[in-house]
C-alpha atoms as a PDB file:
ATOM      1  CA  MET A   1      11.302 -16.347 -35.010  1.00  0.00           C
ATOM      2  CA  VAL A   2      10.055 -14.603 -32.099  1.00  0.00           C
ATOM      3  CA  THR A   3       6.408 -14.225 -31.975  1.00  0.00           C
ATOM      4  CA  THR A   4       4.485 -10.981 -30.864  1.00  0.00           C
ATOM      5  CA  THR A   5       3.101 -13.342 -27.899  1.00  0.00           C
ATOM      6  CA  GLU A   6       6.243 -14.768 -27.440  1.00  0.00           C
ATOM      7  CA  ALA A   7       7.822 -11.075 -27.202  1.00  0.00           C
ATOM      8  CA  ALA A   8       5.356  -9.723 -24.760  1.00  0.00           C
ATOM      9  CA  ALA A   9       5.648 -12.387 -22.413  1.00  0.00           C
ATOM     10  CA  VAL A  10       9.204 -11.733 -21.963  1.00  0.00           C
ATOM     11  CA  ALA A  11       8.743  -7.808 -21.542  1.00  0.00           C
ATOM     12  CA  ALA A  12       5.994  -8.663 -18.796  1.00  0.00           C
ATOM     13  CA  GLU A  13       8.719 -10.845 -17.232  1.00  0.00           C
ATOM     14  CA  ARG A  14      11.193  -8.111 -17.442  1.00  0.00           C
ATOM     15  CA  GLU A  15       8.788  -5.682 -15.441  1.00  0.00           C
ATOM     16  CA  LEU A  16       9.010  -4.552 -11.948  1.00  0.00           C
ATOM     17  CA  VAL A  17       5.758  -3.753  -9.476  1.00  0.00           C
ATOM     18  CA  ILE A  18       6.021  -3.363  -5.890  1.00  0.00           C
ATOM     19  CA  THR A  19       2.950  -2.487  -4.136  1.00  0.00           C
ATOM     20  CA  ARG A  20       3.180  -1.139  -0.654  1.00  0.00           C
ATOM     21  CA  VAL A  21       0.639   0.884   2.297  1.00  0.00           C
ATOM     22  CA  LEU A  22       1.887   3.488   3.798  1.00  0.00           C
ATOM     23  CA  ASP A  23       0.807   4.898   6.935  1.00  0.00           C
ATOM     24  CA  ALA A  24       0.521   8.088   5.721  1.00  0.00           C
ATOM     25  CA  PRO A  25      -1.929  10.685   4.071  1.00  0.00           C
ATOM     26  CA  ARG A  26      -1.626  10.649   0.148  1.00  0.00           C
ATOM     27  CA  SER A  27      -0.655  14.255  -0.055  1.00  0.00           C
ATOM     28  CA  LEU A  28       2.342  13.982   2.364  1.00  0.00           C
ATOM     29  CA  VAL A  29       3.597  10.480   0.274  1.00  0.00           C
ATOM     30  CA  PHE A  30       3.559  12.806  -2.924  1.00  0.00           C
ATOM     31  CA  LYS A  31       5.283  15.387  -1.089  1.00  0.00           C
ATOM     32  CA  VAL A  32       8.174  13.557  -0.426  1.00  0.00           C
ATOM     33  CA  TRP A  33       8.646  11.903  -3.420  1.00  0.00           C
ATOM     34  CA  THR A  34       8.558  15.678  -5.544  1.00  0.00           C
ATOM     35  CA  GLN A  35      10.593  17.907  -3.237  1.00  0.00           C
ATOM     36  CA  PRO A  36      14.186  17.490  -3.569  1.00  0.00           C
ATOM     37  CA  GLU A  37      14.730  18.306   0.289  1.00  0.00           C
ATOM     38  CA  HIS A  38      12.470  15.436   1.258  1.00  0.00           C
ATOM     39  CA  LEU A  39      13.442  13.081  -1.238  1.00  0.00           C
ATOM     40  CA  ALA A  40      17.401  13.253  -0.436  1.00  0.00           C
ATOM     41  CA  ARG A  41      16.123  11.623   3.185  1.00  0.00           C
ATOM     42  CA  TRP A  42      15.234   8.384   1.689  1.00  0.00           C
ATOM     43  CA  TRP A  43      16.270   7.852  -1.581  1.00  0.00           C
ATOM     44  CA  GLY A  44      18.518   4.655  -1.905  1.00  0.00           C
ATOM     45  CA  PRO A  45      18.961   1.292  -0.425  1.00  0.00           C
ATOM     46  CA  LYS A  46      19.773   0.877   3.160  1.00  0.00           C
ATOM     47  CA  GLY A  47      23.202   2.655   4.419  1.00  0.00           C
ATOM     48  CA  PHE A  48      23.483   4.862   1.496  1.00  0.00           C
ATOM     49  CA  THR A  49      22.669   8.774   1.128  1.00  0.00           C
ATOM     50  CA  ALA A  50      21.839  10.961  -1.285  1.00  0.00           C
ATOM     51  CA  PRO A  51      24.443  13.771  -1.460  1.00  0.00           C
ATOM     52  CA  SER A  52      23.007  15.406  -4.522  1.00  0.00           C
ATOM     53  CA  CYS A  53      18.885  15.405  -5.654  1.00  0.00           C
ATOM     54  CA  LYS A  54      18.011  18.112  -8.591  1.00  0.00           C
ATOM     55  CA  MET A  55      14.368  18.109  -9.561  1.00  0.00           C
ATOM     56  CA  ASP A  56      12.375  20.435 -12.319  1.00  0.00           C
ATOM     57  CA  LEU A  57       8.975  19.053 -11.211  1.00  0.00           C
ATOM     58  CA  ARG A  58       6.966  19.526 -14.378  1.00  0.00           C
ATOM     59  CA  PRO A  59       5.799  17.598 -17.821  1.00  0.00           C
ATOM     60  CA  GLY A  60       9.398  17.483 -19.786  1.00  0.00           C
ATOM     61  CA  GLY A  61      11.747  18.581 -16.970  1.00  0.00           C
ATOM     62  CA  ALA A  62      14.787  16.835 -15.716  1.00  0.00           C
ATOM     63  CA  TRP A  63      15.579  15.472 -12.520  1.00  0.00           C
ATOM     64  CA  ARG A  64      19.301  14.074 -11.719  1.00  0.00           C
ATOM     65  CA  ALA A  65      20.426  12.208  -8.207  1.00  0.00           C
ATOM     66  CA  CYS A  66      23.476  11.150  -7.012  1.00  0.00           C
ATOM     67  CA  ILE A  67      23.335   8.039  -4.059  1.00  0.00           C
ATOM     68  CA  ARG A  68      26.512   6.892  -2.139  1.00  0.00           C
ATOM     69  CA  SER A  69      27.030   3.358  -0.713  1.00  0.00           C
ATOM     70  CA  PRO A  70      28.564   2.931   2.788  1.00  0.00           C
ATOM     71  CA  GLU A  71      31.750   2.312   1.262  1.00  0.00           C
ATOM     72  CA  GLY A  72      31.538   5.556  -0.347  1.00  0.00           C
ATOM     73  CA  THR A  73      31.172   4.220  -4.258  1.00  0.00           C
ATOM     74  CA  GLU A  74      28.648   7.074  -5.992  1.00  0.00           C
ATOM     75  CA  HIS A  75      25.956   5.972  -8.552  1.00  0.00           C
ATOM     76  CA  ARG A  76      24.230   8.632 -10.829  1.00  0.00           C
ATOM     77  CA  MET A  77      20.787   8.143 -12.057  1.00  0.00           C
ATOM     78  CA  GLN A  78      18.674  10.977 -14.172  1.00  0.00           C
ATOM     79  CA  GLY A  79      15.616  10.934 -16.174  1.00  0.00           C
ATOM     80  CA  SER A  80      12.720  13.319 -17.321  1.00  0.00           C
ATOM     81  CA  TYR A  81       9.194  13.566 -15.852  1.00  0.00           C
ATOM     82  CA  ARG A  82       6.447  12.195 -18.052  1.00  0.00           C
ATOM     83  CA  GLU A  83       3.136  12.952 -16.273  1.00  0.00           C
ATOM     84  CA  ILE A  84       2.572  14.634 -12.883  1.00  0.00           C
ATOM     85  CA  VAL A  85      -0.696  14.394 -11.162  1.00  0.00           C
ATOM     86  CA  GLU A  86      -1.157  15.482  -8.149  1.00  0.00           C
ATOM     87  CA  PRO A  87      -1.821  13.433  -5.634  1.00  0.00           C
ATOM     88  CA  GLU A  88      -2.399  10.634  -8.185  1.00  0.00           C
ATOM     89  CA  ARG A  89       0.444  10.192 -10.090  1.00  0.00           C
ATOM     90  CA  LEU A  90       3.985  10.385 -11.376  1.00  0.00           C
ATOM     91  CA  VAL A  91       5.502   9.209 -14.373  1.00  0.00           C
ATOM     92  CA  PHE A  92       9.257   9.473 -15.340  1.00  0.00           C
ATOM     93  CA  THR A  93      12.117   7.995 -16.856  1.00  0.00           C
ATOM     94  CA  PHE A  94      15.345   6.125 -15.246  1.00  0.00           C
ATOM     95  CA  ALA A  95      18.609   5.614 -16.536  1.00  0.00           C
ATOM     96  CA  TRP A  96      22.248   5.307 -14.398  1.00  0.00           C
ATOM     97  CA  GLU A  97      24.663   7.207 -15.717  1.00  0.00           C
ATOM     98  CA  ASP A  98      28.334   6.125 -16.064  1.00  0.00           C
ATOM     99  CA  ASP A  99      31.171   8.212 -15.135  1.00  0.00           C
ATOM    100  CA  GLU A 100      31.636  10.041 -18.213  1.00  0.00           C
ATOM    101  CA  GLY A 101      27.898  11.359 -17.837  1.00  0.00           C
ATOM    102  CA  GLU A 102      26.465   9.604 -20.400  1.00  0.00           C
ATOM    103  CA  SER A 103      23.002   7.566 -19.804  1.00  0.00           C
ATOM    104  CA  GLY A 104      22.716   3.828 -19.726  1.00  0.00           C
ATOM    105  CA  HIS A 105      19.189   1.754 -20.490  1.00  0.00           C
ATOM    106  CA  GLN A 106      16.342   4.006 -20.124  1.00  0.00           C
ATOM    107  CA  THR A 107      13.275   2.609 -18.304  1.00  0.00           C
ATOM    108  CA  LEU A 108       9.807   4.007 -17.422  1.00  0.00           C
ATOM    109  CA  VAL A 109       8.597   4.649 -13.857  1.00  0.00           C
ATOM    110  CA  THR A 110       4.977   4.712 -12.970  1.00  0.00           C
ATOM    111  CA  VAL A 111       3.890   5.672  -9.586  1.00  0.00           C
ATOM    112  CA  THR A 112       0.338   5.909  -8.496  1.00  0.00           C
ATOM    113  CA  PHE A 113      -0.797   7.013  -4.892  1.00  0.00           C
ATOM    114  CA  ALA A 114      -4.297   5.932  -3.981  1.00  0.00           C
ATOM    115  CA  GLU A 115      -6.213   6.783  -0.630  1.00  0.00           C
ATOM    116  CA  GLN A 116      -6.728   4.061   1.682  1.00  0.00           C
ATOM    117  CA  ASP A 117      -8.665   4.844   4.677  1.00  0.00           C
ATOM    118  CA  GLY A 118      -6.262   7.357   6.067  1.00  0.00           C
ATOM    119  CA  LYS A 119      -3.439   5.813   4.393  1.00  0.00           C
ATOM    120  CA  THR A 120      -1.777   5.727   0.520  1.00  0.00           C
ATOM    121  CA  ARG A 121      -1.425   2.689  -1.188  1.00  0.00           C
ATOM    122  CA  LEU A 122       1.581   3.067  -3.506  1.00  0.00           C
ATOM    123  CA  THR A 123       2.141   1.560  -6.430  1.00  0.00           C
ATOM    124  CA  PHE A 124       5.233   1.411  -8.619  1.00  0.00           C
ATOM    125  CA  HIS A 125       5.659  -0.182 -11.708  1.00  0.00           C
ATOM    126  CA  GLN A 126       9.533   0.031 -13.908  1.00  0.00           C
ATOM    127  CA  ALA A 127       9.719  -1.332 -17.033  1.00  0.00           C
ATOM    128  CA  THR A 128      11.117  -2.776 -19.501  1.00  0.00           C
ATOM    129  CA  PHE A 129      14.378  -3.860 -18.340  1.00  0.00           C
ATOM    130  CA  GLU A 130      17.355  -5.581 -20.234  1.00  0.00           C
ATOM    131  CA  SER A 131      17.444  -8.509 -18.227  1.00  0.00           C
ATOM    132  CA  ASP A 132      15.873 -10.645 -15.236  1.00  0.00           C
ATOM    133  CA  GLU A 133      18.823  -9.841 -13.277  1.00  0.00           C
ATOM    134  CA  SER A 134      18.705  -5.926 -13.742  1.00  0.00           C
ATOM    135  CA  ARG A 135      14.960  -6.096 -12.795  1.00  0.00           C
ATOM    136  CA  ASP A 136      16.116  -8.388  -9.748  1.00  0.00           C
ATOM    137  CA  SER A 137      18.546  -5.971  -8.509  1.00  0.00           C
ATOM    138  CA  HIS A 138      16.229  -2.853  -9.056  1.00  0.00           C
ATOM    139  CA  HIS A 139      13.519  -4.890  -6.668  1.00  0.00           C
ATOM    140  CA  GLY A 140      16.045  -4.929  -3.758  1.00  0.00           C
ATOM    141  CA  GLY A 141      16.905  -1.809  -4.132  1.00  0.00           C
ATOM    142  CA  TRP A 142      13.743  -0.009  -4.770  1.00  0.00           C
ATOM    143  CA  SER A 143      11.912  -2.590  -1.863  1.00  0.00           C
ATOM    144  CA  GLU A 144      15.097  -1.110   0.769  1.00  0.00           C
ATOM    145  CA  CYS A 145      14.082   2.602  -0.551  1.00  0.00           C
ATOM    146  CA  PHE A 146      10.261   2.146   0.326  1.00  0.00           C
ATOM    147  CA  ASP A 147      11.142   0.412   3.924  1.00  0.00           C
ATOM    148  CA  ARG A 148      13.236   3.830   4.376  1.00  0.00           C
ATOM    149  CA  LEU A 149      10.034   6.056   2.957  1.00  0.00           C
ATOM    150  CA  GLU A 150       7.900   4.291   5.208  1.00  0.00           C
ATOM    151  CA  ASP A 151      10.977   5.053   8.141  1.00  0.00           C
ATOM    152  CA  TYR A 152      10.918   8.954   6.996  1.00  0.00           C
ATOM    153  CA  LEU A 153       7.310   9.493   7.127  1.00  0.00           C
ATOM    154  CA  ALA A 154       7.022   8.271  10.502  1.00  0.00           C
ATOM    155  CA  ARG A 155       9.266  10.619  11.322  1.00  0.00           C
ATOM    156  CA  LEU A 156       7.497  13.576  10.051  1.00  0.00           C
END
């Protein structure tokens, strides 16, 4: 029998937390997370493009995006916004879609934006993953997204 403590430990292991300090004001970082024309410029791992990004930025509003690998493979994702506190916090669900448009396992993403000496401390939290492998895959993908975000912010 699994105890509550053991279950909590497994859940904690299946969380992803990434923190970055970005050389841009918090209001700008929040803006590039919440406007599709900006999000499409950095969303996806290195070498990917985002040919489609739609957002209904309000609590309960839906979002959908498609990212395309350098080889041309498309990956679709979707979710809904749970909380929006400009310019401090975004909370939304995240799920991959299959070829028929059916959603896979859903996670909850919380992104906080904190002012830090004229820069922005971004803390990204995503949970709960079905497996360590899924968490680790997302870590790699999001890390590359955030590299692209840093590059994009430097050009604005």
